[in-house]
PDB file of all heavy atoms in Angstrom:
ATOM      1  N   GLU A   1      24.188  -3.249  -3.324  1.00  0.00           N
ATOM      2  CA  GLU A   1      24.134  -2.410  -4.516  1.00  0.00           C
ATOM      3  C   GLU A   1      23.413  -1.123  -4.140  1.00  0.00           C
ATOM      4  O   GLU A   1      22.188  -1.103  -3.972  1.00  0.00           O
ATOM      5  CB  GLU A   1      23.405  -3.115  -5.658  1.00  0.00           C
ATOM      6  CG  GLU A   1      23.474  -2.321  -6.951  1.00  0.00           C
ATOM      7  CD  GLU A   1      22.915  -3.083  -8.139  1.00  0.00           C
ATOM      8  OE1 GLU A   1      22.529  -4.256  -7.967  1.00  0.00           O
ATOM      9  OE2 GLU A   1      22.869  -2.495  -9.241  1.00  0.00           O
ATOM     10  N   ILE A   2      24.192  -0.055  -3.970  1.00  0.00           N
ATOM     11  CA  ILE A   2      23.636   1.228  -3.547  1.00  0.00           C
ATOM     12  C   ILE A   2      23.518   2.129  -4.765  1.00  0.00           C
ATOM     13  O   ILE A   2      24.501   2.392  -5.455  1.00  0.00           O
ATOM     14  CB  ILE A   2      24.516   1.867  -2.455  1.00  0.00           C
ATOM     15  CG1 ILE A   2      24.504   0.963  -1.209  1.00  0.00           C
ATOM     16  CG2 ILE A   2      24.019   3.262  -2.110  1.00  0.00           C
ATOM     17  CD1 ILE A   2      25.340   1.462  -0.063  1.00  0.00           C
ATOM     18  N   MET A   3      22.308   2.596  -5.010  1.00  0.00           N
ATOM     19  CA  MET A   3      22.018   3.389  -6.206  1.00  0.00           C
ATOM     20  C   MET A   3      21.573   4.787  -5.775  1.00  0.00           C
ATOM     21  O   MET A   3      20.469   4.954  -5.244  1.00  0.00           O
ATOM     22  CB  MET A   3      20.930   2.700  -7.034  1.00  0.00           C
ATOM     23  CG  MET A   3      21.319   1.313  -7.513  1.00  0.00           C
ATOM     24  SD  MET A   3      19.905   0.294  -8.055  1.00  0.00           S
ATOM     25  CE  MET A   3      19.213  -0.204  -6.468  1.00  0.00           C
ATOM     26  N   ASN A   4      22.418   5.772  -5.973  1.00  0.00           N
ATOM     27  CA  ASN A   4      22.094   7.155  -5.623  1.00  0.00           C
ATOM     28  C   ASN A   4      21.435   7.830  -6.818  1.00  0.00           C
ATOM     29  O   ASN A   4      22.083   8.102  -7.819  1.00  0.00           O
ATOM     30  CB  ASN A   4      23.366   7.906  -5.220  1.00  0.00           C
ATOM     31  CG  ASN A   4      23.088   9.374  -4.938  1.00  0.00           C
ATOM     32  OD1 ASN A   4      21.939   9.780  -4.755  1.00  0.00           O
ATOM     33  ND2 ASN A   4      24.135  10.169  -4.899  1.00  0.00           N
ATOM     34  N   LEU A   5      20.144   8.126  -6.687  1.00  0.00           N
ATOM     35  CA  LEU A   5      19.416   8.808  -7.755  1.00  0.00           C
ATOM     36  C   LEU A   5      18.909  10.171  -7.301  1.00  0.00           C
ATOM     37  O   LEU A   5      17.844  10.634  -7.707  1.00  0.00           O
ATOM     38  CB  LEU A   5      18.261   7.951  -8.280  1.00  0.00           C
ATOM     39  CG  LEU A   5      18.648   7.007  -9.443  1.00  0.00           C
ATOM     40  CD1 LEU A   5      19.413   5.804  -8.922  1.00  0.00           C
ATOM     41  CD2 LEU A   5      17.436   6.558 -10.219  1.00  0.00           C
ATOM     42  N   GLY A   6      19.685  10.812  -6.413  1.00  0.00           N
ATOM     43  CA  GLY A   6      19.338  12.178  -6.027  1.00  0.00           C
ATOM     44  C   GLY A   6      19.330  13.090  -7.244  1.00  0.00           C
ATOM     45  O   GLY A   6      20.152  12.945  -8.150  1.00  0.00           O
ATOM     46  N   LEU A   7      18.401  14.049  -7.289  1.00  0.00           N
ATOM     47  CA  LEU A   7      18.247  14.938  -8.437  1.00  0.00           C
ATOM     48  C   LEU A   7      18.156  16.382  -7.956  1.00  0.00           C
ATOM     49  O   LEU A   7      17.291  16.719  -7.132  1.00  0.00           O
ATOM     50  CB  LEU A   7      16.997  14.569  -9.232  1.00  0.00           C
ATOM     51  CG  LEU A   7      16.749  15.354 -10.522  1.00  0.00           C
ATOM     52  CD1 LEU A   7      17.875  15.108 -11.533  1.00  0.00           C
ATOM     53  CD2 LEU A   7      15.404  14.977 -11.131  1.00  0.00           C
ATOM     54  N   SER A   8      19.022  17.215  -8.473  1.00  0.00           N
ATOM     55  CA  SER A   8      19.071  18.619  -8.053  1.00  0.00           C
ATOM     56  C   SER A   8      17.725  19.303  -8.264  1.00  0.00           C
ATOM     57  O   SER A   8      17.037  19.054  -9.261  1.00  0.00           O
ATOM     58  CB  SER A   8      20.161  19.363  -8.823  1.00  0.00           C
ATOM     59  OG  SER A   8      21.428  18.832  -8.530  1.00  0.00           O
ATOM     60  N   SER A   9      17.371  20.179  -7.331  1.00  0.00           N
ATOM     61  CA  SER A   9      16.159  21.029  -7.364  1.00  0.00           C
ATOM     62  C   SER A   9      14.890  20.279  -7.005  1.00  0.00           C
ATOM     63  O   SER A   9      13.833  20.895  -6.849  1.00  0.00           O
ATOM     64  CB  SER A   9      15.964  21.685  -8.736  1.00  0.00           C
ATOM     65  OG  SER A   9      17.120  22.325  -9.189  1.00  0.00           O
ATOM     66  N   GLU A  10      14.937  18.963  -6.863  1.00  0.00           N
ATOM     67  CA  GLU A  10      13.717  18.160  -6.753  1.00  0.00           C
ATOM     68  C   GLU A  10      13.006  18.363  -5.423  1.00  0.00           C
ATOM     69  O   GLU A  10      13.611  18.686  -4.398  1.00  0.00           O
ATOM     70  CB  GLU A  10      14.052  16.687  -6.935  1.00  0.00           C
ATOM     71  CG  GLU A  10      12.827  15.791  -7.076  1.00  0.00           C
ATOM     72  CD  GLU A  10      13.210  14.409  -7.543  1.00  0.00           C
ATOM     73  OE1 GLU A  10      13.777  13.645  -6.732  1.00  0.00           O
ATOM     74  OE2 GLU A  10      12.967  14.098  -8.720  1.00  0.00           O
ATOM     75  N   THR A  11      11.675  18.134  -5.439  1.00  0.00           N
ATOM     76  CA  THR A  11      10.860  18.121  -4.230  1.00  0.00           C
ATOM     77  C   THR A  11      10.031  16.858  -4.202  1.00  0.00           C
ATOM     78  O   THR A  11       9.765  16.226  -5.239  1.00  0.00           O
ATOM     79  CB  THR A  11       9.900  19.326  -4.169  1.00  0.00           C
ATOM     80  OG1 THR A  11       8.887  19.166  -5.174  1.00  0.00           O
ATOM     81  CG2 THR A  11      10.632  20.639  -4.402  1.00  0.00           C
ATOM     82  N   VAL A  12       9.592  16.472  -2.996  1.00  0.00           N
ATOM     83  CA  VAL A  12       8.613  15.400  -2.848  1.00  0.00           C
ATOM     84  C   VAL A  12       7.214  15.979  -2.781  1.00  0.00           C
ATOM     85  O   VAL A  12       6.221  15.281  -2.957  1.00  0.00           O
ATOM     86  CB  VAL A  12       8.933  14.561  -1.595  1.00  0.00           C
ATOM     87  CG1 VAL A  12       8.608  15.331  -0.311  1.00  0.00           C
ATOM     88  CG2 VAL A  12       8.211  13.225  -1.614  1.00  0.00           C
ATOM     89  N   SER A  13       7.143  17.302  -2.541  1.00  0.00           N
ATOM     90  CA  SER A  13       5.849  17.984  -2.391  1.00  0.00           C
ATOM     91  C   SER A  13       5.222  18.356  -3.725  1.00  0.00           C
ATOM     92  O   SER A  13       4.023  18.649  -3.792  1.00  0.00           O
ATOM     93  CB  SER A  13       6.030  19.254  -1.561  1.00  0.00           C
ATOM     94  OG  SER A  13       6.870  20.181  -2.254  1.00  0.00           O
ATOM     95  N   GLY A  14       6.017  18.406  -4.784  1.00  0.00           N
ATOM     96  CA  GLY A  14       5.519  18.834  -6.080  1.00  0.00           C
ATOM     97  C   GLY A  14       5.439  20.342  -6.237  1.00  0.00           C
ATOM     98  O   GLY A  14       4.951  20.830  -7.267  1.00  0.00           O
ATOM     99  N   LEU A  15       5.925  21.088  -5.254  1.00  0.00           N
ATOM    100  CA  LEU A  15       5.848  22.549  -5.292  1.00  0.00           C
ATOM    101  C   LEU A  15       7.047  23.150  -6.015  1.00  0.00           C
ATOM    102  O   LEU A  15       8.140  22.574  -6.041  1.00  0.00           O
ATOM    103  CB  LEU A  15       5.788  23.116  -3.878  1.00  0.00           C
ATOM    104  CG  LEU A  15       4.595  22.672  -3.015  1.00  0.00           C
ATOM    105  CD1 LEU A  15       4.714  23.260  -1.619  1.00  0.00           C
ATOM    106  CD2 LEU A  15       3.279  23.070  -3.660  1.00  0.00           C
ATOM    107  N   SER A  16       6.851  24.329  -6.577  1.00  0.00           N
ATOM    108  CA  SER A  16       7.942  25.089  -7.191  1.00  0.00           C
ATOM    109  C   SER A  16       7.592  26.564  -7.136  1.00  0.00           C
ATOM    110  O   SER A  16       6.452  26.956  -7.422  1.00  0.00           O
ATOM    111  CB  SER A  16       8.153  24.656  -8.644  1.00  0.00           C
ATOM    112  OG  SER A  16       9.253  25.351  -9.209  1.00  0.00           O
ATOM    113  N   GLU A  17       8.548  27.381  -6.758  1.00  0.00           N
ATOM    114  CA  GLU A  17       8.332  28.825  -6.708  1.00  0.00           C
ATOM    115  C   GLU A  17       8.308  29.416  -8.107  1.00  0.00           C
ATOM    116  O   GLU A  17       8.860  28.858  -9.053  1.00  0.00           O
ATOM    117  CB  GLU A  17       9.414  29.499  -5.857  1.00  0.00           C
ATOM    118  CG  GLU A  17      10.833  29.365  -6.370  1.00  0.00           C
ATOM    119  CD  GLU A  17      11.552  28.130  -5.874  1.00  0.00           C
ATOM    120  OE1 GLU A  17      10.931  27.032  -5.878  1.00  0.00           O
ATOM    121  OE2 GLU A  17      12.726  28.244  -5.505  1.00  0.00           O
ATOM    122  N   GLU A  18       7.636  30.554  -8.238  1.00  0.00           N
ATOM    123  CA  GLU A  18       7.629  31.268  -9.507  1.00  0.00           C
ATOM    124  C   GLU A  18       9.051  31.683  -9.881  1.00  0.00           C
ATOM    125  O   GLU A  18       9.810  32.146  -9.032  1.00  0.00           O
ATOM    126  CB  GLU A  18       6.744  32.513  -9.414  1.00  0.00           C
ATOM    127  CG  GLU A  18       5.259  32.224  -9.348  1.00  0.00           C
ATOM    128  CD  GLU A  18       4.719  31.666 -10.646  1.00  0.00           C
ATOM    129  OE1 GLU A  18       5.258  32.030 -11.720  1.00  0.00           O
ATOM    130  OE2 GLU A  18       3.771  30.856 -10.597  1.00  0.00           O
ATOM    131  N   GLY A  19       9.390  31.518 -11.141  1.00  0.00           N
ATOM    132  CA  GLY A  19      10.700  31.975 -11.599  1.00  0.00           C
ATOM    133  C   GLY A  19      11.856  31.118 -11.145  1.00  0.00           C
ATOM    134  O   GLY A  19      13.004  31.578 -11.131  1.00  0.00           O
ATOM    135  N   HIS A  20      11.583  29.866 -10.772  1.00  0.00           N
ATOM    136  CA  HIS A  20      12.691  28.993 -10.366  1.00  0.00           C
ATOM    137  C   HIS A  20      13.713  28.879 -11.490  1.00  0.00           C
ATOM    138  O   HIS A  20      13.354  28.793 -12.663  1.00  0.00           O
ATOM    139  CB  HIS A  20      12.163  27.601 -10.013  1.00  0.00           C
ATOM    140  CG  HIS A  20      13.263  26.605  -9.772  1.00  0.00           C
ATOM    141  ND1 HIS A  20      13.623  25.662 -10.704  1.00  0.00           N
ATOM    142  CD2 HIS A  20      14.114  26.447  -8.729  1.00  0.00           C
ATOM    143  CE1 HIS A  20      14.629  24.950 -10.240  1.00  0.00           C
ATOM    144  NE2 HIS A  20      14.947  25.402  -9.033  1.00  0.00           N
ATOM    145  N   ALA A  21      14.970  28.875 -11.129  1.00  0.00           N
ATOM    146  CA  ALA A  21      16.076  28.774 -12.101  1.00  0.00           C
ATOM    147  C   ALA A  21      15.983  29.877 -13.147  1.00  0.00           C
ATOM    148  O   ALA A  21      16.236  29.642 -14.332  1.00  0.00           O
ATOM    149  CB  ALA A  21      16.099  27.404 -12.756  1.00  0.00           C
ATOM    150  N   GLY A  22      15.644  31.080 -12.684  1.00  0.00           N
ATOM    151  CA  GLY A  22      15.536  32.202 -13.616  1.00  0.00           C
ATOM    152  C   GLY A  22      14.406  32.032 -14.613  1.00  0.00           C
ATOM    153  O   GLY A  22      14.440  32.605 -15.703  1.00  0.00           O
ATOM    154  N   GLY A  23      13.400  31.240 -14.249  1.00  0.00           N
ATOM    155  CA  GLY A  23      12.264  31.005 -15.136  1.00  0.00           C
ATOM    156  C   GLY A  23      12.501  29.947 -16.191  1.00  0.00           C
ATOM    157  O   GLY A  23      11.647  29.717 -17.050  1.00  0.00           O
ATOM    158  N   LYS A  24      13.653  29.256 -16.128  1.00  0.00           N
ATOM    159  CA  LYS A  24      13.982  28.270 -17.172  1.00  0.00           C
ATOM    160  C   LYS A  24      13.180  26.976 -17.042  1.00  0.00           C
ATOM    161  O   LYS A  24      12.824  26.358 -18.042  1.00  0.00           O
ATOM    162  CB  LYS A  24      15.475  27.962 -17.138  1.00  0.00           C
ATOM    163  CG  LYS A  24      16.354  29.153 -17.488  1.00  0.00           C
ATOM    164  CD  LYS A  24      17.830  28.795 -17.356  1.00  0.00           C
ATOM    165  CE  LYS A  24      18.719  29.999 -17.643  1.00  0.00           C
ATOM    166  NZ  LYS A  24      20.162  29.676 -17.443  1.00  0.00           N
ATOM    167  N   PHE A  25      12.923  26.557 -15.801  1.00  0.00           N
ATOM    168  CA  PHE A  25      12.157  25.328 -15.600  1.00  0.00           C
ATOM    169  C   PHE A  25      11.679  25.277 -14.149  1.00  0.00           C
ATOM    170  O   PHE A  25      12.321  25.816 -13.249  1.00  0.00           O
ATOM    171  CB  PHE A  25      12.987  24.078 -15.923  1.00  0.00           C
ATOM    172  CG  PHE A  25      14.238  23.928 -15.093  1.00  0.00           C
ATOM    173  CD1 PHE A  25      14.228  23.224 -13.888  1.00  0.00           C
ATOM    174  CD2 PHE A  25      15.443  24.486 -15.520  1.00  0.00           C
ATOM    175  CE1 PHE A  25      15.376  23.078 -13.130  1.00  0.00           C
ATOM    176  CE2 PHE A  25      16.601  24.352 -14.764  1.00  0.00           C
ATOM    177  CZ  PHE A  25      16.570  23.641 -13.562  1.00  0.00           C
ATOM    178  N   PRO A  26      10.524  24.637 -13.913  1.00  0.00           N
ATOM    179  CA  PRO A  26      10.061  24.471 -12.534  1.00  0.00           C
ATOM    180  C   PRO A  26      10.871  23.379 -11.829  1.00  0.00           C
ATOM    181  O   PRO A  26      11.574  22.589 -12.469  1.00  0.00           O
ATOM    182  CB  PRO A  26       8.605  24.043 -12.712  1.00  0.00           C
ATOM    183  CG  PRO A  26       8.594  23.339 -14.026  1.00  0.00           C
ATOM    184  CD  PRO A  26       9.597  24.070 -14.894  1.00  0.00           C
ATOM    185  N   ARG A  27      10.736  23.334 -10.532  1.00  0.00           N
ATOM    186  CA  ARG A  27      11.424  22.277  -9.797  1.00  0.00           C
ATOM    187  C   ARG A  27      10.892  20.903 -10.220  1.00  0.00           C
ATOM    188  O   ARG A  27       9.686  20.723 -10.373  1.00  0.00           O
ATOM    189  CB  ARG A  27      11.206  22.449  -8.283  1.00  0.00           C
ATOM    190  CG  ARG A  27      11.937  23.639  -7.705  1.00  0.00           C
ATOM    191  CD  ARG A  27      11.841  23.664  -6.189  1.00  0.00           C
ATOM    192  NE  ARG A  27      12.590  24.807  -5.686  1.00  0.00           N
ATOM    193  CZ  ARG A  27      13.903  24.831  -5.510  1.00  0.00           C
ATOM    194  NH1 ARG A  27      14.611  23.749  -5.796  1.00  0.00           N
ATOM    195  NH2 ARG A  27      14.504  25.913  -5.067  1.00  0.00           N
ATOM    196  N   PRO A  28      11.781  19.940 -10.401  1.00  0.00           N
ATOM    197  CA  PRO A  28      11.307  18.586 -10.696  1.00  0.00           C
ATOM    198  C   PRO A  28      10.493  18.031  -9.525  1.00  0.00           C
ATOM    199  O   PRO A  28      10.798  18.295  -8.356  1.00  0.00           O
ATOM    200  CB  PRO A  28      12.598  17.787 -10.889  1.00  0.00           C
ATOM    201  CG  PRO A  28      13.662  18.808 -11.121  1.00  0.00           C
ATOM    202  CD  PRO A  28      13.245  20.027 -10.378  1.00  0.00           C
ATOM    203  N   ASP A  29       9.468  17.284  -9.846  1.00  0.00           N
ATOM    204  CA  ASP A  29       8.626  16.610  -8.856  1.00  0.00           C
ATOM    205  C   ASP A  29       9.032  15.139  -8.822  1.00  0.00           C
ATOM    206  O   ASP A  29       8.989  14.447  -9.849  1.00  0.00           O
ATOM    207  CB  ASP A  29       7.161  16.765  -9.275  1.00  0.00           C
ATOM    208  CG  ASP A  29       6.189  16.067  -8.335  1.00  0.00           C
ATOM    209  OD1 ASP A  29       6.642  15.379  -7.401  1.00  0.00           O
ATOM    210  OD2 ASP A  29       4.972  16.199  -8.560  1.00  0.00           O
ATOM    211  N   LEU A  30       9.414  14.635  -7.675  1.00  0.00           N
ATOM    212  CA  LEU A  30       9.821  13.236  -7.553  1.00  0.00           C
ATOM    213  C   LEU A  30       8.792  12.303  -8.175  1.00  0.00           C
ATOM    214  O   LEU A  30       9.151  11.313  -8.832  1.00  0.00           O
ATOM    215  CB  LEU A  30      10.019  12.870  -6.080  1.00  0.00           C
ATOM    216  CG  LEU A  30      10.157  11.364  -5.784  1.00  0.00           C
ATOM    217  CD1 LEU A  30      11.425  10.804  -6.412  1.00  0.00           C
ATOM    218  CD2 LEU A  30      10.116  11.094  -4.293  1.00  0.00           C
ATOM    219  N   HIS A  31       7.518  12.639  -8.011  1.00  0.00           N
ATOM    220  CA  HIS A  31       6.474  11.697  -8.434  1.00  0.00           C
ATOM    221  C   HIS A  31       6.340  11.610  -9.951  1.00  0.00           C
ATOM    222  O   HIS A  31       5.741  10.655 -10.460  1.00  0.00           O
ATOM    223  CB  HIS A  31       5.154  12.071  -7.766  1.00  0.00           C
ATOM    224  CG  HIS A  31       5.240  11.964  -6.268  1.00  0.00           C
ATOM    225  ND1 HIS A  31       5.274  10.757  -5.613  1.00  0.00           N
ATOM    226  CD2 HIS A  31       5.390  12.921  -5.312  1.00  0.00           C
ATOM    227  CE1 HIS A  31       5.410  10.959  -4.314  1.00  0.00           C
ATOM    228  NE2 HIS A  31       5.479  12.272  -4.100  1.00  0.00           N
ATOM    229  N   GLU A  32       6.942  12.568 -10.677  1.00  0.00           N
ATOM    230  CA  GLU A  32       6.952  12.460 -12.132  1.00  0.00           C
ATOM    231  C   GLU A  32       7.804  11.274 -12.585  1.00  0.00           C
ATOM    232  O   GLU A  32       7.514  10.655 -13.601  1.00  0.00           O
ATOM    233  CB  GLU A  32       7.481  13.764 -12.741  1.00  0.00           C
ATOM    234  CG  GLU A  32       7.464  13.830 -14.256  1.00  0.00           C
ATOM    235  CD  GLU A  32       8.624  13.084 -14.909  1.00  0.00           C
ATOM    236  OE1 GLU A  32       9.740  13.092 -14.341  1.00  0.00           O
ATOM    237  OE2 GLU A  32       8.409  12.485 -15.992  1.00  0.00           O
ATOM    238  N   ARG A  33       8.856  10.951 -11.819  1.00  0.00           N
ATOM    239  CA  ARG A  33       9.788   9.897 -12.247  1.00  0.00           C
ATOM    240  C   ARG A  33       9.779   8.672 -11.343  1.00  0.00           C
ATOM    241  O   ARG A  33      10.431   7.670 -11.648  1.00  0.00           O
ATOM    242  CB  ARG A  33      11.219  10.457 -12.315  1.00  0.00           C
ATOM    243  CG  ARG A  33      11.823  10.842 -10.962  1.00  0.00           C
ATOM    244  CD  ARG A  33      13.229  11.408 -11.099  1.00  0.00           C
ATOM    245  NE  ARG A  33      13.786  11.810  -9.799  1.00  0.00           N
ATOM    246  CZ  ARG A  33      14.871  11.284  -9.237  1.00  0.00           C
ATOM    247  NH1 ARG A  33      15.555  10.337  -9.866  1.00  0.00           N
ATOM    248  NH2 ARG A  33      15.303  11.718  -8.069  1.00  0.00           N
ATOM    249  N   LEU A  34       9.071   8.739 -10.234  1.00  0.00           N
ATOM    250  CA  LEU A  34       9.203   7.700  -9.217  1.00  0.00           C
ATOM    251  C   LEU A  34       8.838   6.313  -9.736  1.00  0.00           C
ATOM    252  O   LEU A  34       9.546   5.332  -9.458  1.00  0.00           O
ATOM    253  CB  LEU A  34       8.343   8.046  -7.989  1.00  0.00           C
ATOM    254  CG  LEU A  34       8.441   7.070  -6.814  1.00  0.00           C
ATOM    255  CD1 LEU A  34       9.883   6.923  -6.333  1.00  0.00           C
ATOM    256  CD2 LEU A  34       7.536   7.528  -5.665  1.00  0.00           C
ATOM    257  N   ASP A  35       7.744   6.191 -10.491  1.00  0.00           N
ATOM    258  CA  ASP A  35       7.361   4.871 -11.004  1.00  0.00           C
ATOM    259  C   ASP A  35       8.455   4.277 -11.893  1.00  0.00           C
ATOM    260  O   ASP A  35       8.772   3.084 -11.802  1.00  0.00           O
ATOM    261  CB  ASP A  35       6.055   4.974 -11.793  1.00  0.00           C
ATOM    262  CG  ASP A  35       4.854   5.243 -10.895  1.00  0.00           C
ATOM    263  OD1 ASP A  35       4.944   4.939  -9.688  1.00  0.00           O
ATOM    264  OD2 ASP A  35       3.845   5.767 -11.390  1.00  0.00           O
ATOM    265  N   ARG A  36       9.049   5.126 -12.746  1.00  0.00           N
ATOM    266  CA  ARG A  36      10.118   4.624 -13.627  1.00  0.00           C
ATOM    267  C   ARG A  36      11.330   4.192 -12.813  1.00  0.00           C
ATOM    268  O   ARG A  36      11.962   3.159 -13.087  1.00  0.00           O
ATOM    269  CB  ARG A  36      10.536   5.716 -14.629  1.00  0.00           C
ATOM    270  CG  ARG A  36       9.450   6.154 -15.579  1.00  0.00           C
ATOM    271  CD  ARG A  36      10.019   7.001 -16.709  1.00  0.00           C
ATOM    272  NE  ARG A  36      10.730   8.197 -16.271  1.00  0.00           N
ATOM    273  CZ  ARG A  36      10.141   9.349 -15.965  1.00  0.00           C
ATOM    274  NH1 ARG A  36       8.810   9.456 -16.017  1.00  0.00           N
ATOM    275  NH2 ARG A  36      10.859  10.399 -15.608  1.00  0.00           N
ATOM    276  N   VAL A  37      11.673   4.983 -11.813  1.00  0.00           N
ATOM    277  CA  VAL A  37      12.850   4.683 -10.998  1.00  0.00           C
ATOM    278  C   VAL A  37      12.650   3.369 -10.246  1.00  0.00           C
ATOM    279  O   VAL A  37      13.545   2.501 -10.227  1.00  0.00           O
ATOM    280  CB  VAL A  37      13.130   5.842 -10.012  1.00  0.00           C
ATOM    281  CG1 VAL A  37      14.154   5.417  -8.971  1.00  0.00           C
ATOM    282  CG2 VAL A  37      13.613   7.073 -10.760  1.00  0.00           C
ATOM    283  N   LEU A  38      11.484   3.178  -9.634  1.00  0.00           N
ATOM    284  CA  LEU A  38      11.240   1.950  -8.885  1.00  0.00           C
ATOM    285  C   LEU A  38      11.222   0.738  -9.808  1.00  0.00           C
ATOM    286  O   LEU A  38      11.743  -0.335  -9.461  1.00  0.00           O
ATOM    287  CB  LEU A  38       9.923   2.059  -8.121  1.00  0.00           C
ATOM    288  CG  LEU A  38       9.889   3.097  -6.990  1.00  0.00           C
ATOM    289  CD1 LEU A  38       8.491   3.195  -6.398  1.00  0.00           C
ATOM    290  CD2 LEU A  38      10.904   2.768  -5.893  1.00  0.00           C
ATOM    291  N   ALA A  39      10.641   0.905 -10.995  1.00  0.00           N
ATOM    292  CA  ALA A  39      10.579  -0.219 -11.934  1.00  0.00           C
ATOM    293  C   ALA A  39      11.962  -0.614 -12.422  1.00  0.00           C
ATOM    294  O   ALA A  39      12.259  -1.806 -12.597  1.00  0.00           O
ATOM    295  CB  ALA A  39       9.682   0.158 -13.117  1.00  0.00           C
ATOM    296  N   LYS A  40      12.809   0.359 -12.675  1.00  0.00           N
ATOM    297  CA  LYS A  40      14.146   0.077 -13.200  1.00  0.00           C
ATOM    298  C   LYS A  40      15.101  -0.440 -12.127  1.00  0.00           C
ATOM    299  O   LYS A  40      15.878  -1.376 -12.353  1.00  0.00           O
ATOM    300  CB  LYS A  40      14.725   1.342 -13.835  1.00  0.00           C
ATOM    301  CG  LYS A  40      14.077   1.766 -15.137  1.00  0.00           C
ATOM    302  CD  LYS A  40      14.650   0.997 -16.309  1.00  0.00           C
ATOM    303  CE  LYS A  40      14.177   1.555 -17.632  1.00  0.00           C
ATOM    304  NZ  LYS A  40      14.740   0.805 -18.778  1.00  0.00           N
TER     305      LYS A  40
END
């Protein structure tokens, strides 16, 4: 059972440049969702 949960724009470092996506949102941080993903 292979589960691909790749997420566009994401980093493992938690970093995001100023004005990412035209200032609409910062880059997602893997660690914001990692606990939920592992639990599910």
